[in-house]
C-alpha cells in the first residue's frame, strides 16, 4: 500500500494560497489517474480517495496539525509507504524536490507529521513557492499566487502529478532520478 498525503488548509479562504500546493498536487494526480472524488472520512480527519494499492489523503486538521490525520491513517495502514506533498519557501517557484527521511526545515506541517508517524522511510515532495530567505514564511505561505505565478504553478503541479505517477508505477528511485534533475 502507498499512502500519499497532500498538506494544506481546508476552506475556501485558503484554496488558492501557496500553503495549499499539496492539496492542488494531489487533486491533479487524482484527476489524471481516474480516482474517485475525495470523501471526508471522519475516522481519519481527512478527505480520502483510494484506487488499488494507493490511498490519497487531504488532512482536514489544518496544516500545523497534519500529523493528527497522518497518525490515524498510519494506524490502519501500518505497512504503507508514506509520501507527503507540501509547499517549501526555500525552493524557487516552479521547482520540486523529492526527498527521503529529511528533517522538517522548520515547516510546521511536516514537523507535525514527523512527530506523529516518524521519519523512517518518509518520502516528501517539496514544492517550491518562491520564498525569499529574509522574508517571514507566514507572510508568504498564506498569499495567493499572482496571475503570472499561477501559470508557473499550474505547470509545476502537472510536473508533481507526473512524478507521483512515476513513483507509483516505477518506484521512488526512478522518480527521484528523473524529477530532481529538472
C-alpha atoms as a PDB file:
ATOM      1  CA  UNK A   1       0.000   0.000   0.000  1.00  0.00           C
ATOM      2  CA  UNK A   2       1.135   3.515  -0.839  1.00  0.00           C
ATOM      3  CA  UNK A   3      -0.296   6.464   1.080  1.00  0.00           C
ATOM      4  CA  UNK A   4       0.155   9.930  -0.410  1.00  0.00           C
ATOM      5  CA  UNK A   5      -0.866  12.843   1.779  1.00  0.00           C
ATOM      6  CA  UNK A   6      -1.215  16.339   0.350  1.00  0.00           C
ATOM      7  CA  UNK A   7      -0.770  19.006   3.006  1.00  0.00           C
ATOM      8  CA  UNK A   8      -2.868  22.160   3.078  1.00  0.00           C
ATOM      9  CA  UNK A   9      -5.596  24.031   4.888  1.00  0.00           C
ATOM     10  CA  UNK A  10      -9.303  23.268   4.437  1.00  0.00           C
ATOM     11  CA  UNK A  11     -11.722  26.040   3.489  1.00  0.00           C
ATOM     12  CA  UNK A  12     -12.361  28.348   0.568  1.00  0.00           C
ATOM     13  CA  UNK A  13     -10.249  31.191   2.004  1.00  0.00           C
ATOM     14  CA  UNK A  14      -7.120  29.014   1.692  1.00  0.00           C
ATOM     15  CA  UNK A  15      -7.956  27.253  -1.580  1.00  0.00           C
ATOM     16  CA  UNK A  16      -5.504  29.084  -3.855  1.00  0.00           C
ATOM     17  CA  UNK A  17      -2.828  30.018  -1.341  1.00  0.00           C
ATOM     18  CA  UNK A  18       0.779  28.895  -1.537  1.00  0.00           C
ATOM     19  CA  UNK A  19       0.318  26.737   1.565  1.00  0.00           C
ATOM     20  CA  UNK A  20      -2.186  24.593  -0.361  1.00  0.00           C
ATOM     21  CA  UNK A  21       0.010  23.372  -3.208  1.00  0.00           C
ATOM     22  CA  UNK A  22      -0.008  19.921  -1.559  1.00  0.00           C
ATOM     23  CA  UNK A  23      -3.803  19.806  -1.942  1.00  0.00           C
ATOM     24  CA  UNK A  24      -3.529  21.136  -5.509  1.00  0.00           C
ATOM     25  CA  UNK A  25      -0.982  18.488  -6.492  1.00  0.00           C
ATOM     26  CA  UNK A  26      -2.890  15.563  -5.001  1.00  0.00           C
ATOM     27  CA  UNK A  27      -6.104  16.775  -6.678  1.00  0.00           C
ATOM     28  CA  UNK A  28      -4.322  16.924 -10.055  1.00  0.00           C
ATOM     29  CA  UNK A  29      -2.835  13.429  -9.604  1.00  0.00           C
ATOM     30  CA  UNK A  30      -6.238  12.022  -8.593  1.00  0.00           C
ATOM     31  CA  UNK A  31      -7.984  13.603 -11.572  1.00  0.00           C
ATOM     32  CA  UNK A  32      -5.377  12.483 -14.103  1.00  0.00           C
ATOM     33  CA  UNK A  33      -5.460   8.904 -12.803  1.00  0.00           C
ATOM     34  CA  UNK A  34      -9.215   8.413 -12.513  1.00  0.00           C
ATOM     35  CA  UNK A  35      -9.502   8.304  -8.722  1.00  0.00           C
ATOM     36  CA  UNK A  36     -12.973   8.689  -7.223  1.00  0.00           C
ATOM     37  CA  UNK A  37     -13.910  12.061  -5.768  1.00  0.00           C
ATOM     38  CA  UNK A  38     -12.393  12.740  -2.336  1.00  0.00           C
ATOM     39  CA  UNK A  39     -14.769  11.998   0.536  1.00  0.00           C
ATOM     40  CA  UNK A  40     -14.466  13.025   4.165  1.00  0.00           C
ATOM     41  CA  UNK A  41     -13.503  10.069   6.383  1.00  0.00           C
ATOM     42  CA  UNK A  42     -14.110  11.242   9.945  1.00  0.00           C
ATOM     43  CA  UNK A  43     -12.039   8.385  11.393  1.00  0.00           C
ATOM     44  CA  UNK A  44      -9.005   9.840   9.592  1.00  0.00           C
ATOM     45  CA  UNK A  45      -9.953  13.530   9.874  1.00  0.00           C
ATOM     46  CA  UNK A  46      -9.133  13.683   6.185  1.00  0.00           C
ATOM     47  CA  UNK A  47     -10.687  13.612   2.762  1.00  0.00           C
ATOM     48  CA  UNK A  48      -9.606  10.385   1.075  1.00  0.00           C
ATOM     49  CA  UNK A  49      -9.742   8.588  -2.248  1.00  0.00           C
ATOM     50  CA  UNK A  50      -8.452   5.078  -2.901  1.00  0.00           C
ATOM     51  CA  UNK A  51      -7.612   3.182  -6.045  1.00  0.00           C
ATOM     52  CA  UNK A  52      -5.959  -0.223  -5.944  1.00  0.00           C
ATOM     53  CA  UNK A  53      -2.850  -0.037  -3.768  1.00  0.00           C
ATOM     54  CA  UNK A  54      -2.867   3.779  -3.498  1.00  0.00           C
ATOM     55  CA  UNK A  55      -4.617   5.834  -0.813  1.00  0.00           C
ATOM     56  CA  UNK A  56      -4.724   9.612  -1.265  1.00  0.00           C
ATOM     57  CA  UNK A  57      -5.496  11.887   1.667  1.00  0.00           C
ATOM     58  CA  UNK A  58      -6.005  15.577   2.371  1.00  0.00           C
ATOM     59  CA  UNK A  59      -5.972  16.206   6.149  1.00  0.00           C
ATOM     60  CA  UNK A  60      -8.758  18.496   7.343  1.00  0.00           C
ATOM     61  CA  UNK A  61      -6.910  19.316  10.577  1.00  0.00           C
ATOM     62  CA  UNK A  62      -5.189  22.419   9.171  1.00  0.00           C
ATOM     63  CA  UNK A  63      -1.564  22.476   8.126  1.00  0.00           C
ATOM     64  CA  UNK A  64       0.147  22.655  11.512  1.00  0.00           C
ATOM     65  CA  UNK A  65      -1.804  19.638  12.816  1.00  0.00           C
ATOM     66  CA  UNK A  66      -1.428  17.433   9.732  1.00  0.00           C
ATOM     67  CA  UNK A  67       0.250  14.757  11.847  1.00  0.00           C
ATOM     68  CA  UNK A  68      -3.027  14.097  13.648  1.00  0.00           C
ATOM     69  CA  UNK A  69      -4.627  12.794  10.438  1.00  0.00           C
ATOM     70  CA  UNK A  70      -1.423  11.062   9.296  1.00  0.00           C
ATOM     71  CA  UNK A  71      -1.234   9.133  12.579  1.00  0.00           C
ATOM     72  CA  UNK A  72      -4.823   7.901  12.209  1.00  0.00           C
ATOM     73  CA  UNK A  73      -4.171   6.784   8.637  1.00  0.00           C
ATOM     74  CA  UNK A  74      -0.921   5.052   9.640  1.00  0.00           C
ATOM     75  CA  UNK A  75      -2.726   3.174  12.458  1.00  0.00           C
ATOM     76  CA  UNK A  76      -4.788   1.380   9.809  1.00  0.00           C
ATOM     77  CA  UNK A  77      -2.097   1.209   7.086  1.00  0.00           C
ATOM     78  CA  UNK A  78       0.927   0.285   9.221  1.00  0.00           C
ATOM     79  CA  UNK A  79       2.967  -1.182   6.369  1.00  0.00           C
ATOM     80  CA  UNK A  80       2.192   1.540   3.840  1.00  0.00           C
ATOM     81  CA  UNK A  81       4.864   3.615   2.175  1.00  0.00           C
ATOM     82  CA  UNK A  82       4.105   7.223   3.159  1.00  0.00           C
ATOM     83  CA  UNK A  83       4.713  10.268   0.993  1.00  0.00           C
ATOM     84  CA  UNK A  84       3.696  13.827   1.790  1.00  0.00           C
ATOM     85  CA  UNK A  85       3.358  16.738  -0.638  1.00  0.00           C
ATOM     86  CA  UNK A  86       3.946  20.225   0.724  1.00  0.00           C
ATOM     87  CA  UNK A  87       4.935  23.794  -0.005  1.00  0.00           C
ATOM     88  CA  UNK A  88       8.530  24.867   0.511  1.00  0.00           C
ATOM     89  CA  UNK A  89       9.541  28.522   0.855  1.00  0.00           C
ATOM     90  CA  UNK A  90      13.217  27.605   0.404  1.00  0.00           C
ATOM     91  CA  UNK A  91      12.699  26.375  -3.172  1.00  0.00           C
ATOM     92  CA  UNK A  92      12.099  28.802  -6.028  1.00  0.00           C
ATOM     93  CA  UNK A  93       8.616  28.856  -7.511  1.00  0.00           C
ATOM     94  CA  UNK A  94       8.340  26.052 -10.048  1.00  0.00           C
ATOM     95  CA  UNK A  95      10.989  23.752  -8.568  1.00  0.00           C
ATOM     96  CA  UNK A  96      10.243  20.412  -6.966  1.00  0.00           C
ATOM     97  CA  UNK A  97      12.486  18.170  -4.916  1.00  0.00           C
ATOM     98  CA  UNK A  98      11.737  14.599  -3.857  1.00  0.00           C
ATOM     99  CA  UNK A  99      13.464  13.675  -0.613  1.00  0.00           C
ATOM    100  CA  UNK A 100      13.572  10.784   1.823  1.00  0.00           C
ATOM    101  CA  UNK A 101      13.919  10.875   5.620  1.00  0.00           C
ATOM    102  CA  UNK A 102      14.827  14.574   5.775  1.00  0.00           C
ATOM    103  CA  UNK A 103      14.105  16.977   8.627  1.00  0.00           C
ATOM    104  CA  UNK A 104      11.230  19.450   8.578  1.00  0.00           C
ATOM    105  CA  UNK A 105      13.434  22.534   7.953  1.00  0.00           C
ATOM    106  CA  UNK A 106      11.002  24.496  10.110  1.00  0.00           C
ATOM    107  CA  UNK A 107       7.860  23.563   8.162  1.00  0.00           C
ATOM    108  CA  UNK A 108       5.216  23.138  10.874  1.00  0.00           C
ATOM    109  CA  UNK A 109       3.011  20.756   8.853  1.00  0.00           C
ATOM    110  CA  UNK A 110       5.943  18.474   8.048  1.00  0.00           C
ATOM    111  CA  UNK A 111       7.125  18.695  11.659  1.00  0.00           C
ATOM    112  CA  UNK A 112       3.665  17.607  12.830  1.00  0.00           C
ATOM    113  CA  UNK A 113       3.714  14.576  10.510  1.00  0.00           C
ATOM    114  CA  UNK A 114       7.234  13.559  11.559  1.00  0.00           C
ATOM    115  CA  UNK A 115       6.306  13.799  15.253  1.00  0.00           C
ATOM    116  CA  UNK A 116       3.163  11.733  14.664  1.00  0.00           C
ATOM    117  CA  UNK A 117       4.430   8.911  12.407  1.00  0.00           C
ATOM    118  CA  UNK A 118       8.209   9.196  12.476  1.00  0.00           C
ATOM    119  CA  UNK A 119      10.677   9.929   9.719  1.00  0.00           C
ATOM    120  CA  UNK A 120      11.895   6.416   8.899  1.00  0.00           C
ATOM    121  CA  UNK A 121      11.036   5.785   5.262  1.00  0.00           C
ATOM    122  CA  UNK A 122       9.041   9.023   4.980  1.00  0.00           C
ATOM    123  CA  UNK A 123       9.089  10.420   1.455  1.00  0.00           C
ATOM    124  CA  UNK A 124       8.337  14.034   0.623  1.00  0.00           C
ATOM    125  CA  UNK A 125       7.741  16.109  -2.459  1.00  0.00           C
ATOM    126  CA  UNK A 126       8.839  19.657  -1.695  1.00  0.00           C
ATOM    127  CA  UNK A 127       7.032  22.108  -3.982  1.00  0.00           C
ATOM    128  CA  UNK A 128       8.753  25.472  -4.370  1.00  0.00           C
ATOM    129  CA  UNK A 129       6.593  28.501  -3.690  1.00  0.00           C
ATOM    130  CA  UNK A 130       9.266  31.151  -4.233  1.00  0.00           C
ATOM    131  CA  UNK A 131      10.086  32.446  -0.802  1.00  0.00           C
ATOM    132  CA  UNK A 132      12.885  34.831  -0.005  1.00  0.00           C
ATOM    133  CA  UNK A 133      15.303  33.901   2.751  1.00  0.00           C
ATOM    134  CA  UNK A 134      14.795  37.181   4.575  1.00  0.00           C
ATOM    135  CA  UNK A 135      11.004  37.128   4.379  1.00  0.00           C
ATOM    136  CA  UNK A 136       8.710  35.874   7.121  1.00  0.00           C
ATOM    137  CA  UNK A 137       7.413  32.462   5.981  1.00  0.00           C
ATOM    138  CA  UNK A 138       3.927  33.082   7.384  1.00  0.00           C
ATOM    139  CA  UNK A 139       3.574  36.191   5.226  1.00  0.00           C
ATOM    140  CA  UNK A 140       4.440  34.140   2.145  1.00  0.00           C
ATOM    141  CA  UNK A 141       2.552  30.875   2.612  1.00  0.00           C
ATOM    142  CA  UNK A 142      -0.914  32.366   3.054  1.00  0.00           C
ATOM    143  CA  UNK A 143      -0.638  34.612  -0.014  1.00  0.00           C
ATOM    144  CA  UNK A 144      -2.333  33.753  -3.297  1.00  0.00           C
ATOM    145  CA  UNK A 145      -0.319  33.421  -6.474  1.00  0.00           C
ATOM    146  CA  UNK A 146      -0.141  36.375  -8.861  1.00  0.00           C
ATOM    147  CA  UNK A 147      -1.594  35.752 -12.344  1.00  0.00           C
ATOM    148  CA  UNK A 148       1.908  35.215 -13.766  1.00  0.00           C
ATOM    149  CA  UNK A 149       2.799  32.847 -10.900  1.00  0.00           C
ATOM    150  CA  UNK A 150      -0.439  30.897 -11.445  1.00  0.00           C
ATOM    151  CA  UNK A 151       0.761  29.920 -14.910  1.00  0.00           C
ATOM    152  CA  UNK A 152       4.030  28.577 -13.489  1.00  0.00           C
ATOM    153  CA  UNK A 153       2.436  26.826 -10.501  1.00  0.00           C
ATOM    154  CA  UNK A 154      -0.045  25.014 -12.789  1.00  0.00           C
ATOM    155  CA  UNK A 155       2.913  23.646 -14.778  1.00  0.00           C
ATOM    156  CA  UNK A 156       4.619  22.704 -11.508  1.00  0.00           C
ATOM    157  CA  UNK A 157       1.528  20.893 -10.216  1.00  0.00           C
ATOM    158  CA  UNK A 158       1.380  18.945 -13.501  1.00  0.00           C
ATOM    159  CA  UNK A 159       5.055  18.034 -13.026  1.00  0.00           C
ATOM    160  CA  UNK A 160       4.335  16.822  -9.474  1.00  0.00           C
ATOM    161  CA  UNK A 161       1.450  14.683 -10.767  1.00  0.00           C
ATOM    162  CA  UNK A 162       3.802  13.088 -13.331  1.00  0.00           C
ATOM    163  CA  UNK A 163       6.406  12.490 -10.613  1.00  0.00           C
ATOM    164  CA  UNK A 164       3.770  10.791  -8.437  1.00  0.00           C
ATOM    165  CA  UNK A 165       2.755   8.619 -11.369  1.00  0.00           C
ATOM    166  CA  UNK A 166       6.392   7.631 -11.866  1.00  0.00           C
ATOM    167  CA  UNK A 167       6.749   6.902  -8.142  1.00  0.00           C
ATOM    168  CA  UNK A 168       3.630   4.705  -8.026  1.00  0.00           C
ATOM    169  CA  UNK A 169       4.477   2.788 -11.214  1.00  0.00           C
ATOM    170  CA  UNK A 170       8.281   2.646 -11.161  1.00  0.00           C
ATOM    171  CA  UNK A 171       9.426   3.374  -7.600  1.00  0.00           C
ATOM    172  CA  UNK A 172      10.984   6.196  -5.658  1.00  0.00           C
ATOM    173  CA  UNK A 173      14.497   5.947  -7.127  1.00  0.00           C
ATOM    174  CA  UNK A 174      13.218   6.377 -10.686  1.00  0.00           C
ATOM    175  CA  UNK A 175      11.038   9.332  -9.662  1.00  0.00           C
ATOM    176  CA  UNK A 176      13.907  10.983  -7.774  1.00  0.00           C
ATOM    177  CA  UNK A 177      16.371  10.469 -10.631  1.00  0.00           C
ATOM    178  CA  UNK A 178      14.006  11.916 -13.205  1.00  0.00           C
ATOM    179  CA  UNK A 179      12.310  14.768 -11.334  1.00  0.00           C
ATOM    180  CA  UNK A 180      15.092  16.017  -9.048  1.00  0.00           C
ATOM    181  CA  UNK A 181      17.143  16.883 -12.137  1.00  0.00           C
ATOM    182  CA  UNK A 182      14.606  19.322 -13.587  1.00  0.00           C
END
